[in-house]
Amino acid sequence: MFQTLKYYKLWFAVSGIILLFGIVSLSVYGLKLGIDFKGGTLAEIQFSKAYDISKVRESVSQSGIGNFQLQTAENNTIIIKTEGLDKEKHDLMLNNIKTQVGDFKEIRLDSIGPIVGKELKKNAVYQLVIVSLGIVIYIAYAFRRVAKPVTSWRFGWSAVIALLHDLLFVLGIFSILGHFKGVEVDSLFVTAMLTVLGFSVHDTIVVFDRIRENLKVYAGESIEFVVNHSISQTIVRSLNTSLTVLFVLLALLLFGGETIRYFVFALFIGIIVGTYSSIFIASPVLVLWQNWKTKKA
């Protein structure tokens, strides 16, 4: 039997040390916000024929624009998000693209104001809060017939503690990368975080569902025995599922290009830590909480 709970102090210590660095970095440096959150200029251009995105990137960079993002769209269209540009720099950028890449027409030119950026930040926080509350309510409902002494709400909040662990883990890493490597977070990063939370809770529910079943099968056994036995039954499935996803993400990370690199990297780190937390954080938290309530009673 896989003795997860025997070494729970080790798992908590490893997570605590990594989270400590991340939380300190978030407190001191924060996150390096991208154009989506700070505001800037958005230009959408459509080429008359197929184009080379690496040449577009080079052309924009040669225009003296250090902070920009490229996003491809249909019909040979590309969206260029940059820091706030005046007319002179905007015209220089378009002229460089036309000279080095090919003929195009500008479909759209918009300014993304800081008010829009603030709204995006606020909406991102709301999304994460609503997702967390939704997970608690769903798990509490799905596990409403769980065998005593563990309550369904305890399952739900244990899952959310694991989710907060995953969230802080990835945020901490990107805070450190933002300070030392200049890596920015944008709306794609928020999408990655929501995806990670969904995958993590899916993995946690698999483990918790087996614990729920085994609480009936092994009635009278200690909660530690039931949880260890449940993890032993599900750990191979969890690892196989995660590895399958990680192989795909690794291929995208290596060959997917600059545009989605850090989006994929956030998913890659998030899937790893989400699988880890489902086994080594959520389950021990459930056991420790239950033992504490039993002693208190």
C-alpha atoms as a PDB file:
ATOM      1  CA  MET A   1       0.000   0.000   0.000  1.00  0.00           C
ATOM      2  CA  PHE A   2       1.229   3.502  -0.894  1.00  0.00           C
ATOM      3  CA  GLN A   3       1.944   5.205   2.455  1.00  0.00           C
ATOM      4  CA  THR A   4       1.196   8.806   1.475  1.00  0.00           C
ATOM      5  CA  LEU A   5       0.138   9.945   4.930  1.00  0.00           C
ATOM      6  CA  LYS A   6       3.233   8.536   6.594  1.00  0.00           C
ATOM      7  CA  TYR A   7       5.318  11.286   4.987  1.00  0.00           C
ATOM      8  CA  TYR A   8       2.744  14.087   4.964  1.00  0.00           C
ATOM      9  CA  LYS A   9       5.110  16.383   6.904  1.00  0.00           C
ATOM     10  CA  LEU A  10       7.670  16.007   4.112  1.00  0.00           C
ATOM     11  CA  TRP A  11       5.084  16.872   1.405  1.00  0.00           C
ATOM     12  CA  PHE A  12       3.885  19.883   3.400  1.00  0.00           C
ATOM     13  CA  ALA A  13       7.476  21.036   4.004  1.00  0.00           C
ATOM     14  CA  VAL A  14       8.384  20.819   0.288  1.00  0.00           C
ATOM     15  CA  SER A  15       5.243  22.708  -0.718  1.00  0.00           C
ATOM     16  CA  GLY A  16       5.708  25.223   2.098  1.00  0.00           C
ATOM     17  CA  ILE A  17       9.271  26.103   1.070  1.00  0.00           C
ATOM     18  CA  ILE A  18       8.374  26.565  -2.601  1.00  0.00           C
ATOM     19  CA  LEU A  19       5.230  28.530  -1.753  1.00  0.00           C
ATOM     20  CA  LEU A  20       7.203  30.727   0.640  1.00  0.00           C
ATOM     21  CA  PHE A  21       9.560  31.828  -2.147  1.00  0.00           C
ATOM     22  CA  GLY A  22       6.566  32.444  -4.420  1.00  0.00           C
ATOM     23  CA  ILE A  23       4.582  34.424  -1.828  1.00  0.00           C
ATOM     24  CA  VAL A  24       7.634  36.562  -0.959  1.00  0.00           C
ATOM     25  CA  SER A  25       8.171  37.242  -4.669  1.00  0.00           C
ATOM     26  CA  LEU A  26       4.489  38.143  -5.119  1.00  0.00           C
ATOM     27  CA  SER A  27       4.638  40.465  -2.106  1.00  0.00           C
ATOM     28  CA  VAL A  28       7.859  42.189  -3.160  1.00  0.00           C
ATOM     29  CA  TYR A  29       7.742  42.122  -6.975  1.00  0.00           C
ATOM     30  CA  GLY A  30       4.134  41.229  -7.813  1.00  0.00           C
ATOM     31  CA  LEU A  31       3.286  40.023 -11.314  1.00  0.00           C
ATOM     32  CA  LYS A  32       4.649  41.721 -14.423  1.00  0.00           C
ATOM     33  CA  LEU A  33       1.396  42.644 -16.145  1.00  0.00           C
ATOM     34  CA  GLY A  34       1.085  42.488 -19.915  1.00  0.00           C
ATOM     35  CA  ILE A  35      -0.596  44.881 -22.332  1.00  0.00           C
ATOM     36  CA  ASP A  36      -4.035  43.335 -21.723  1.00  0.00           C
ATOM     37  CA  PHE A  37      -3.923  44.597 -18.122  1.00  0.00           C
ATOM     38  CA  LYS A  38      -1.832  47.779 -18.457  1.00  0.00           C
ATOM     39  CA  GLY A  39      -3.297  49.167 -21.650  1.00  0.00           C
ATOM     40  CA  GLY A  40      -1.655  49.950 -24.989  1.00  0.00           C
ATOM     41  CA  THR A  41      -2.352  49.853 -28.727  1.00  0.00           C
ATOM     42  CA  LEU A  42      -4.028  47.100 -30.743  1.00  0.00           C
ATOM     43  CA  ALA A  43      -3.522  46.932 -34.505  1.00  0.00           C
ATOM     44  CA  GLU A  44      -5.127  44.282 -36.724  1.00  0.00           C
ATOM     45  CA  ILE A  45      -3.650  43.828 -40.190  1.00  0.00           C
ATOM     46  CA  GLN A  46      -4.541  41.463 -43.044  1.00  0.00           C
ATOM     47  CA  PHE A  47      -1.923  40.308 -45.543  1.00  0.00           C
ATOM     48  CA  SER A  48      -2.755  39.714 -49.197  1.00  0.00           C
ATOM     49  CA  LYS A  49      -1.019  36.309 -49.049  1.00  0.00           C
ATOM     50  CA  ALA A  50       0.541  33.906 -46.534  1.00  0.00           C
ATOM     51  CA  TYR A  51       3.127  35.521 -44.286  1.00  0.00           C
ATOM     52  CA  ASP A  52       6.004  34.526 -42.013  1.00  0.00           C
ATOM     53  CA  ILE A  53       5.149  35.426 -38.397  1.00  0.00           C
ATOM     54  CA  SER A  54       8.832  35.401 -37.391  1.00  0.00           C
ATOM     55  CA  LYS A  55       9.470  38.205 -39.910  1.00  0.00           C
ATOM     56  CA  VAL A  56       6.518  40.155 -38.487  1.00  0.00           C
ATOM     57  CA  ARG A  57       7.997  39.774 -34.998  1.00  0.00           C
ATOM     58  CA  GLU A  58      11.394  40.920 -36.253  1.00  0.00           C
ATOM     59  CA  SER A  59       9.863  43.921 -38.036  1.00  0.00           C
ATOM     60  CA  VAL A  60       7.971  45.078 -34.938  1.00  0.00           C
ATOM     61  CA  SER A  61      11.066  44.612 -32.777  1.00  0.00           C
ATOM     62  CA  GLN A  62      13.187  46.679 -35.207  1.00  0.00           C
ATOM     63  CA  SER A  63      10.686  49.517 -34.851  1.00  0.00           C
ATOM     64  CA  GLY A  64      11.974  50.089 -31.324  1.00  0.00           C
ATOM     65  CA  ILE A  65       8.938  48.484 -29.651  1.00  0.00           C
ATOM     66  CA  GLY A  66      10.169  46.335 -26.798  1.00  0.00           C
ATOM     67  CA  ASN A  67       6.846  45.216 -25.354  1.00  0.00           C
ATOM     68  CA  PHE A  68       4.436  43.582 -27.830  1.00  0.00           C
ATOM     69  CA  GLN A  69       2.362  40.467 -28.463  1.00  0.00           C
ATOM     70  CA  LEU A  70       1.359  38.810 -31.738  1.00  0.00           C
ATOM     71  CA  GLN A  71      -1.821  36.797 -32.200  1.00  0.00           C
ATOM     72  CA  THR A  72      -2.721  35.056 -35.446  1.00  0.00           C
ATOM     73  CA  ALA A  73      -6.284  35.027 -36.823  1.00  0.00           C
ATOM     74  CA  GLU A  74      -8.145  33.763 -39.893  1.00  0.00           C
ATOM     75  CA  ASN A  75      -7.646  34.924 -43.492  1.00  0.00           C
ATOM     76  CA  ASN A  76      -3.950  35.827 -43.141  1.00  0.00           C
ATOM     77  CA  THR A  77      -4.779  38.257 -40.344  1.00  0.00           C
ATOM     78  CA  ILE A  78      -2.566  39.065 -37.378  1.00  0.00           C
ATOM     79  CA  ILE A  79      -3.322  41.103 -34.249  1.00  0.00           C
ATOM     80  CA  ILE A  80      -0.443  43.175 -32.848  1.00  0.00           C
ATOM     81  CA  LYS A  81      -0.738  44.362 -29.239  1.00  0.00           C
ATOM     82  CA  THR A  82       1.905  46.873 -28.219  1.00  0.00           C
ATOM     83  CA  GLU A  83       2.651  49.447 -25.544  1.00  0.00           C
ATOM     84  CA  GLY A  84       1.014  52.807 -26.214  1.00  0.00           C
ATOM     85  CA  LEU A  85       2.216  54.087 -29.619  1.00  0.00           C
ATOM     86  CA  ASP A  86       2.190  57.594 -31.054  1.00  0.00           C
ATOM     87  CA  LYS A  87       1.479  58.097 -34.776  1.00  0.00           C
ATOM     88  CA  GLU A  88       5.147  58.278 -35.723  1.00  0.00           C
ATOM     89  CA  LYS A  89       6.061  54.960 -34.122  1.00  0.00           C
ATOM     90  CA  HIS A  90       2.865  53.319 -35.410  1.00  0.00           C
ATOM     91  CA  ASP A  91       3.654  54.395 -38.986  1.00  0.00           C
ATOM     92  CA  LEU A  92       7.268  53.204 -38.622  1.00  0.00           C
ATOM     93  CA  MET A  93       6.069  49.781 -37.454  1.00  0.00           C
ATOM     94  CA  LEU A  94       3.649  49.392 -40.380  1.00  0.00           C
ATOM     95  CA  ASN A  95       6.286  50.550 -42.872  1.00  0.00           C
ATOM     96  CA  ASN A  96       8.822  48.006 -41.548  1.00  0.00           C
ATOM     97  CA  ILE A  97       6.253  45.190 -41.768  1.00  0.00           C
ATOM     98  CA  LYS A  98       5.314  46.141 -45.330  1.00  0.00           C
ATOM     99  CA  THR A  99       8.960  46.314 -46.403  1.00  0.00           C
ATOM    100  CA  GLN A 100      10.116  43.067 -44.781  1.00  0.00           C
ATOM    101  CA  VAL A 101       6.991  40.869 -44.834  1.00  0.00           C
ATOM    102  CA  GLY A 102       4.677  41.963 -47.639  1.00  0.00           C
ATOM    103  CA  ASP A 103       1.659  44.059 -48.582  1.00  0.00           C
ATOM    104  CA  PHE A 104      -1.289  44.288 -46.174  1.00  0.00           C
ATOM    105  CA  LYS A 105      -4.187  46.484 -45.142  1.00  0.00           C
ATOM    106  CA  GLU A 106      -4.855  47.699 -41.618  1.00  0.00           C
ATOM    107  CA  ILE A 107      -8.328  46.559 -40.560  1.00  0.00           C
ATOM    108  CA  ARG A 108      -8.426  47.961 -37.054  1.00  0.00           C
ATOM    109  CA  LEU A 109      -6.510  50.308 -34.770  1.00  0.00           C
ATOM    110  CA  ASP A 110      -7.656  50.636 -31.144  1.00  0.00           C
ATOM    111  CA  SER A 111      -6.270  51.933 -27.890  1.00  0.00           C
ATOM    112  CA  ILE A 112      -6.570  49.718 -24.814  1.00  0.00           C
ATOM    113  CA  GLY A 113      -6.936  52.143 -21.929  1.00  0.00           C
ATOM    114  CA  PRO A 114      -5.868  51.486 -18.335  1.00  0.00           C
ATOM    115  CA  ILE A 115      -9.555  51.469 -17.318  1.00  0.00           C
ATOM    116  CA  VAL A 116     -10.113  48.431 -19.559  1.00  0.00           C
ATOM    117  CA  GLY A 117      -7.019  46.839 -17.999  1.00  0.00           C
ATOM    118  CA  LYS A 118      -8.399  47.381 -14.482  1.00  0.00           C
ATOM    119  CA  GLU A 119     -11.705  45.837 -15.551  1.00  0.00           C
ATOM    120  CA  LEU A 120      -9.866  42.778 -16.912  1.00  0.00           C
ATOM    121  CA  LYS A 121      -7.944  42.376 -13.631  1.00  0.00           C
ATOM    122  CA  LYS A 122     -11.153  42.628 -11.618  1.00  0.00           C
ATOM    123  CA  ASN A 123     -12.930  40.113 -13.873  1.00  0.00           C
ATOM    124  CA  ALA A 124      -9.984  37.696 -13.598  1.00  0.00           C
ATOM    125  CA  VAL A 125     -10.235  37.745  -9.783  1.00  0.00           C
ATOM    126  CA  TYR A 126     -14.026  37.269  -9.953  1.00  0.00           C
ATOM    127  CA  GLN A 127     -13.593  34.287 -12.256  1.00  0.00           C
ATOM    128  CA  LEU A 128     -11.156  32.570  -9.898  1.00  0.00           C
ATOM    129  CA  VAL A 129     -13.377  33.220  -6.840  1.00  0.00           C
ATOM    130  CA  ILE A 130     -16.540  32.000  -8.588  1.00  0.00           C
ATOM    131  CA  VAL A 131     -14.761  28.866  -9.846  1.00  0.00           C
ATOM    132  CA  SER A 132     -13.512  28.052  -6.318  1.00  0.00           C
ATOM    133  CA  LEU A 133     -16.947  28.530  -4.730  1.00  0.00           C
ATOM    134  CA  GLY A 134     -18.573  26.527  -7.511  1.00  0.00           C
ATOM    135  CA  ILE A 135     -16.154  23.656  -6.869  1.00  0.00           C
ATOM    136  CA  VAL A 136     -16.919  23.643  -3.118  1.00  0.00           C
ATOM    137  CA  ILE A 137     -20.683  23.591  -3.714  1.00  0.00           C
ATOM    138  CA  TYR A 138     -20.452  20.939  -6.434  1.00  0.00           C
ATOM    139  CA  ILE A 139     -18.257  18.581  -4.395  1.00  0.00           C
ATOM    140  CA  ALA A 140     -20.421  19.098  -1.288  1.00  0.00           C
ATOM    141  CA  TYR A 141     -23.494  18.145  -3.337  1.00  0.00           C
ATOM    142  CA  ALA A 142     -21.863  15.240  -5.191  1.00  0.00           C
ATOM    143  CA  PHE A 143     -20.530  13.776  -1.902  1.00  0.00           C
ATOM    144  CA  ARG A 144     -23.688  14.456   0.124  1.00  0.00           C
ATOM    145  CA  ARG A 145     -24.209  10.732   0.822  1.00  0.00           C
ATOM    146  CA  VAL A 146     -20.663  10.083   1.987  1.00  0.00           C
ATOM    147  CA  ALA A 147     -20.303   7.649   4.860  1.00  0.00           C
ATOM    148  CA  LYS A 148     -19.743   9.135   8.301  1.00  0.00           C
ATOM    149  CA  PRO A 149     -17.702  10.513   9.988  1.00  0.00           C
ATOM    150  CA  VAL A 150     -16.351  12.611   7.070  1.00  0.00           C
ATOM    151  CA  THR A 151     -18.769  15.299   5.852  1.00  0.00           C
ATOM    152  CA  SER A 152     -19.255  16.345   2.237  1.00  0.00           C
ATOM    153  CA  TRP A 153     -18.242  19.960   3.019  1.00  0.00           C
ATOM    154  CA  ARG A 154     -14.924  18.710   4.362  1.00  0.00           C
ATOM    155  CA  PHE A 155     -14.231  17.086   0.995  1.00  0.00           C
ATOM    156  CA  GLY A 156     -15.121  20.343  -0.784  1.00  0.00           C
ATOM    157  CA  TRP A 157     -12.937  22.639   1.312  1.00  0.00           C
ATOM    158  CA  SER A 158     -10.003  20.203   1.231  1.00  0.00           C
ATOM    159  CA  ALA A 159     -10.176  20.332  -2.570  1.00  0.00           C
ATOM    160  CA  VAL A 160     -10.191  24.145  -2.514  1.00  0.00           C
ATOM    161  CA  ILE A 161      -7.147  24.232  -0.198  1.00  0.00           C
ATOM    162  CA  ALA A 162      -5.333  22.097  -2.779  1.00  0.00           C
ATOM    163  CA  LEU A 163      -6.514  24.473  -5.531  1.00  0.00           C
ATOM    164  CA  LEU A 164      -5.187  27.502  -3.636  1.00  0.00           C
ATOM    165  CA  HIS A 165      -1.889  25.629  -3.284  1.00  0.00           C
ATOM    166  CA  ASP A 166      -1.764  25.156  -7.079  1.00  0.00           C
ATOM    167  CA  LEU A 167      -2.767  28.752  -7.767  1.00  0.00           C
ATOM    168  CA  LEU A 168      -0.117  30.241  -5.458  1.00  0.00           C
ATOM    169  CA  PHE A 169       2.494  27.828  -6.815  1.00  0.00           C
ATOM    170  CA  VAL A 170       2.048  28.946 -10.449  1.00  0.00           C
ATOM    171  CA  LEU A 171       1.588  32.623  -9.543  1.00  0.00           C
ATOM    172  CA  GLY A 172       4.796  32.520  -7.497  1.00  0.00           C
ATOM    173  CA  ILE A 173       6.777  30.998 -10.355  1.00  0.00           C
ATOM    174  CA  PHE A 174       5.522  33.636 -12.808  1.00  0.00           C
ATOM    175  CA  SER A 175       6.248  36.406 -10.307  1.00  0.00           C
ATOM    176  CA  ILE A 176       9.867  35.195 -10.103  1.00  0.00           C
ATOM    177  CA  LEU A 177      10.085  34.819 -13.901  1.00  0.00           C
ATOM    178  CA  GLY A 178       8.565  38.277 -14.342  1.00  0.00           C
ATOM    179  CA  HIS A 179      11.189  39.903 -12.131  1.00  0.00           C
ATOM    180  CA  PHE A 180      14.261  38.056 -13.396  1.00  0.00           C
ATOM    181  CA  LYS A 181      13.275  37.210 -16.996  1.00  0.00           C
ATOM    182  CA  GLY A 182      10.696  39.890 -17.816  1.00  0.00           C
ATOM    183  CA  VAL A 183       7.902  37.329 -18.401  1.00  0.00           C
ATOM    184  CA  GLU A 184       4.494  39.048 -18.484  1.00  0.00           C
ATOM    185  CA  VAL A 185       1.046  37.703 -17.643  1.00  0.00           C
ATOM    186  CA  ASP A 186      -1.897  38.417 -19.944  1.00  0.00           C
ATOM    187  CA  SER A 187      -5.434  37.200 -20.572  1.00  0.00           C
ATOM    188  CA  LEU A 188      -4.059  33.876 -21.872  1.00  0.00           C
ATOM    189  CA  PHE A 189      -2.420  33.354 -18.475  1.00  0.00           C
ATOM    190  CA  VAL A 190      -5.824  33.691 -16.781  1.00  0.00           C
ATOM    191  CA  THR A 191      -7.184  31.082 -19.213  1.00  0.00           C
ATOM    192  CA  ALA A 192      -4.286  28.777 -18.308  1.00  0.00           C
ATOM    193  CA  MET A 193      -4.964  29.217 -14.573  1.00  0.00           C
ATOM    194  CA  LEU A 194      -8.660  28.362 -14.965  1.00  0.00           C
ATOM    195  CA  THR A 195      -7.703  25.287 -17.008  1.00  0.00           C
ATOM    196  CA  VAL A 196      -5.230  24.203 -14.324  1.00  0.00           C
ATOM    197  CA  LEU A 197      -7.870  24.574 -11.596  1.00  0.00           C
ATOM    198  CA  GLY A 198     -10.297  22.466 -13.628  1.00  0.00           C
ATOM    199  CA  PHE A 199      -7.735  19.720 -14.245  1.00  0.00           C
ATOM    200  CA  SER A 200      -6.577  19.738 -10.628  1.00  0.00           C
ATOM    201  CA  VAL A 201     -10.057  19.373  -9.177  1.00  0.00           C
ATOM    202  CA  HIS A 202     -10.819  16.614 -11.676  1.00  0.00           C
ATOM    203  CA  ASP A 203      -7.825  14.665 -10.370  1.00  0.00           C
ATOM    204  CA  THR A 204      -8.783  15.386  -6.753  1.00  0.00           C
ATOM    205  CA  ILE A 205     -12.354  14.177  -7.293  1.00  0.00           C
ATOM    206  CA  VAL A 206     -11.053  10.859  -8.653  1.00  0.00           C
ATOM    207  CA  VAL A 207      -9.128  10.290  -5.408  1.00  0.00           C
ATOM    208  CA  PHE A 208     -11.943  11.582  -3.185  1.00  0.00           C
ATOM    209  CA  ASP A 209     -14.539   9.437  -4.949  1.00  0.00           C
ATOM    210  CA  ARG A 210     -12.496   6.315  -4.206  1.00  0.00           C
ATOM    211  CA  ILE A 211     -12.159   7.442  -0.563  1.00  0.00           C
ATOM    212  CA  ARG A 212     -15.943   7.825  -0.392  1.00  0.00           C
ATOM    213  CA  GLU A 213     -16.469   4.297  -1.703  1.00  0.00           C
ATOM    214  CA  ASN A 214     -13.851   2.801   0.610  1.00  0.00           C
ATOM    215  CA  LEU A 215     -15.343   4.495   3.670  1.00  0.00           C
ATOM    216  CA  LYS A 216     -18.308   2.150   3.167  1.00  0.00           C
ATOM    217  CA  VAL A 217     -16.274  -0.913   2.201  1.00  0.00           C
ATOM    218  CA  TYR A 218     -13.824  -0.552   5.096  1.00  0.00           C
ATOM    219  CA  ALA A 219     -16.224   0.767   7.723  1.00  0.00           C
ATOM    220  CA  GLY A 220     -14.529   0.607  11.117  1.00  0.00           C
ATOM    221  CA  GLU A 221     -11.026   1.066   9.702  1.00  0.00           C
ATOM    222  CA  SER A 222      -9.092   4.248  10.481  1.00  0.00           C
ATOM    223  CA  ILE A 223      -9.363   7.206   8.116  1.00  0.00           C
ATOM    224  CA  GLU A 224      -5.595   6.926   7.469  1.00  0.00           C
ATOM    225  CA  PHE A 225      -5.972   3.328   6.233  1.00  0.00           C
ATOM    226  CA  VAL A 226      -8.900   4.221   3.975  1.00  0.00           C
ATOM    227  CA  VAL A 227      -7.130   7.216   2.411  1.00  0.00           C
ATOM    228  CA  ASN A 228      -3.819   5.386   1.870  1.00  0.00           C
ATOM    229  CA  HIS A 229      -5.645   2.445   0.305  1.00  0.00           C
ATOM    230  CA  SER A 230      -7.675   4.776  -1.951  1.00  0.00           C
ATOM    231  CA  ILE A 231      -4.553   6.601  -3.163  1.00  0.00           C
ATOM    232  CA  SER A 232      -2.850   3.263  -3.898  1.00  0.00           C
ATOM    233  CA  GLN A 233      -5.826   2.326  -6.098  1.00  0.00           C
ATOM    234  CA  THR A 234      -5.895   5.596  -8.038  1.00  0.00           C
ATOM    235  CA  ILE A 235      -2.278   6.813  -8.240  1.00  0.00           C
ATOM    236  CA  VAL A 236      -1.406   4.898 -11.425  1.00  0.00           C
ATOM    237  CA  ARG A 237      -4.487   6.261 -13.190  1.00  0.00           C
ATOM    238  CA  SER A 238      -3.700   9.818 -12.055  1.00  0.00           C
ATOM    239  CA  LEU A 239      -0.077   9.620 -13.206  1.00  0.00           C
ATOM    240  CA  ASN A 240      -0.985   8.069 -16.574  1.00  0.00           C
ATOM    241  CA  THR A 241      -3.608  10.738 -17.272  1.00  0.00           C
ATOM    242  CA  SER A 242      -1.252  13.579 -16.341  1.00  0.00           C
ATOM    243  CA  LEU A 243       1.705  12.174 -18.287  1.00  0.00           C
ATOM    244  CA  THR A 244      -0.433  11.897 -21.425  1.00  0.00           C
ATOM    245  CA  VAL A 245      -1.312  15.594 -21.179  1.00  0.00           C
ATOM    246  CA  LEU A 246       2.264  16.583 -20.275  1.00  0.00           C
ATOM    247  CA  PHE A 247       3.705  14.893 -23.377  1.00  0.00           C
ATOM    248  CA  VAL A 248       1.379  16.974 -25.574  1.00  0.00           C
ATOM    249  CA  LEU A 249       2.240  20.178 -23.683  1.00  0.00           C
ATOM    250  CA  LEU A 250       5.956  19.413 -23.906  1.00  0.00           C
ATOM    251  CA  ALA A 251       5.669  19.124 -27.685  1.00  0.00           C
ATOM    252  CA  LEU A 252       3.842  22.475 -27.814  1.00  0.00           C
ATOM    253  CA  LEU A 253       6.433  24.008 -25.488  1.00  0.00           C
ATOM    254  CA  LEU A 254       9.285  22.905 -27.737  1.00  0.00           C
ATOM    255  CA  PHE A 255       7.714  23.464 -31.156  1.00  0.00           C
ATOM    256  CA  GLY A 256       4.633  25.648 -30.617  1.00  0.00           C
ATOM    257  CA  GLY A 257       6.378  28.959 -31.165  1.00  0.00           C
ATOM    258  CA  GLU A 258       6.943  32.127 -29.153  1.00  0.00           C
ATOM    259  CA  THR A 259       3.316  33.305 -29.155  1.00  0.00           C
ATOM    260  CA  ILE A 260       1.943  30.576 -26.886  1.00  0.00           C
ATOM    261  CA  ARG A 261       5.157  29.581 -25.066  1.00  0.00           C
ATOM    262  CA  TYR A 262       4.342  30.942 -21.619  1.00  0.00           C
ATOM    263  CA  PHE A 263       0.680  29.982 -21.893  1.00  0.00           C
ATOM    264  CA  VAL A 264       1.771  26.380 -22.454  1.00  0.00           C
ATOM    265  CA  PHE A 265       4.436  26.681 -19.740  1.00  0.00           C
ATOM    266  CA  ALA A 266       1.779  27.784 -17.213  1.00  0.00           C
ATOM    267  CA  LEU A 267      -0.324  24.742 -18.163  1.00  0.00           C
ATOM    268  CA  PHE A 268       2.702  22.446 -17.968  1.00  0.00           C
ATOM    269  CA  ILE A 269       3.687  23.565 -14.450  1.00  0.00           C
ATOM    270  CA  GLY A 270       0.044  23.674 -13.361  1.00  0.00           C
ATOM    271  CA  ILE A 271      -0.700  20.097 -14.464  1.00  0.00           C
ATOM    272  CA  ILE A 272       2.359  18.797 -12.579  1.00  0.00           C
ATOM    273  CA  VAL A 273       1.563  20.628  -9.355  1.00  0.00           C
ATOM    274  CA  GLY A 274      -2.165  19.828  -9.706  1.00  0.00           C
ATOM    275  CA  THR A 275      -1.464  16.104  -9.890  1.00  0.00           C
ATOM    276  CA  TYR A 276       0.915  16.383  -6.933  1.00  0.00           C
ATOM    277  CA  SER A 277      -1.555  18.335  -4.785  1.00  0.00           C
ATOM    278  CA  SER A 278      -4.428  15.917  -5.445  1.00  0.00           C
ATOM    279  CA  ILE A 279      -2.405  13.087  -3.913  1.00  0.00           C
ATOM    280  CA  PHE A 280      -0.032  14.739  -1.446  1.00  0.00           C
ATOM    281  CA  ILE A 281      -1.945  17.838  -0.279  1.00  0.00           C
ATOM    282  CA  ALA A 282      -5.732  17.387  -0.595  1.00  0.00           C
ATOM    283  CA  SER A 283      -5.864  13.893   0.923  1.00  0.00           C
ATOM    284  CA  PRO A 284      -3.581  14.607   3.933  1.00  0.00           C
ATOM    285  CA  VAL A 285      -5.527  17.836   4.616  1.00  0.00           C
ATOM    286  CA  LEU A 286      -8.759  15.818   4.660  1.00  0.00           C
ATOM    287  CA  VAL A 287      -7.279  13.298   7.123  1.00  0.00           C
ATOM    288  CA  LEU A 288      -5.727  15.911   9.426  1.00  0.00           C
ATOM    289  CA  TRP A 289      -8.942  17.920   9.457  1.00  0.00           C
ATOM    290  CA  GLN A 290     -11.019  14.832  10.248  1.00  0.00           C
ATOM    291  CA  ASN A 291      -8.661  13.740  13.044  1.00  0.00           C
ATOM    292  CA  TRP A 292      -8.727  17.241  14.516  1.00  0.00           C
ATOM    293  CA  LYS A 293     -12.543  17.267  14.516  1.00  0.00           C
ATOM    294  CA  THR A 294     -12.608  13.801  16.104  1.00  0.00           C
ATOM    295  CA  LYS A 295     -10.242  14.836  18.897  1.00  0.00           C
ATOM    296  CA  LYS A 296     -12.196  18.031  19.438  1.00  0.00           C
ATOM    297  CA  ALA A 297     -15.438  16.058  19.728  1.00  0.00           C
END
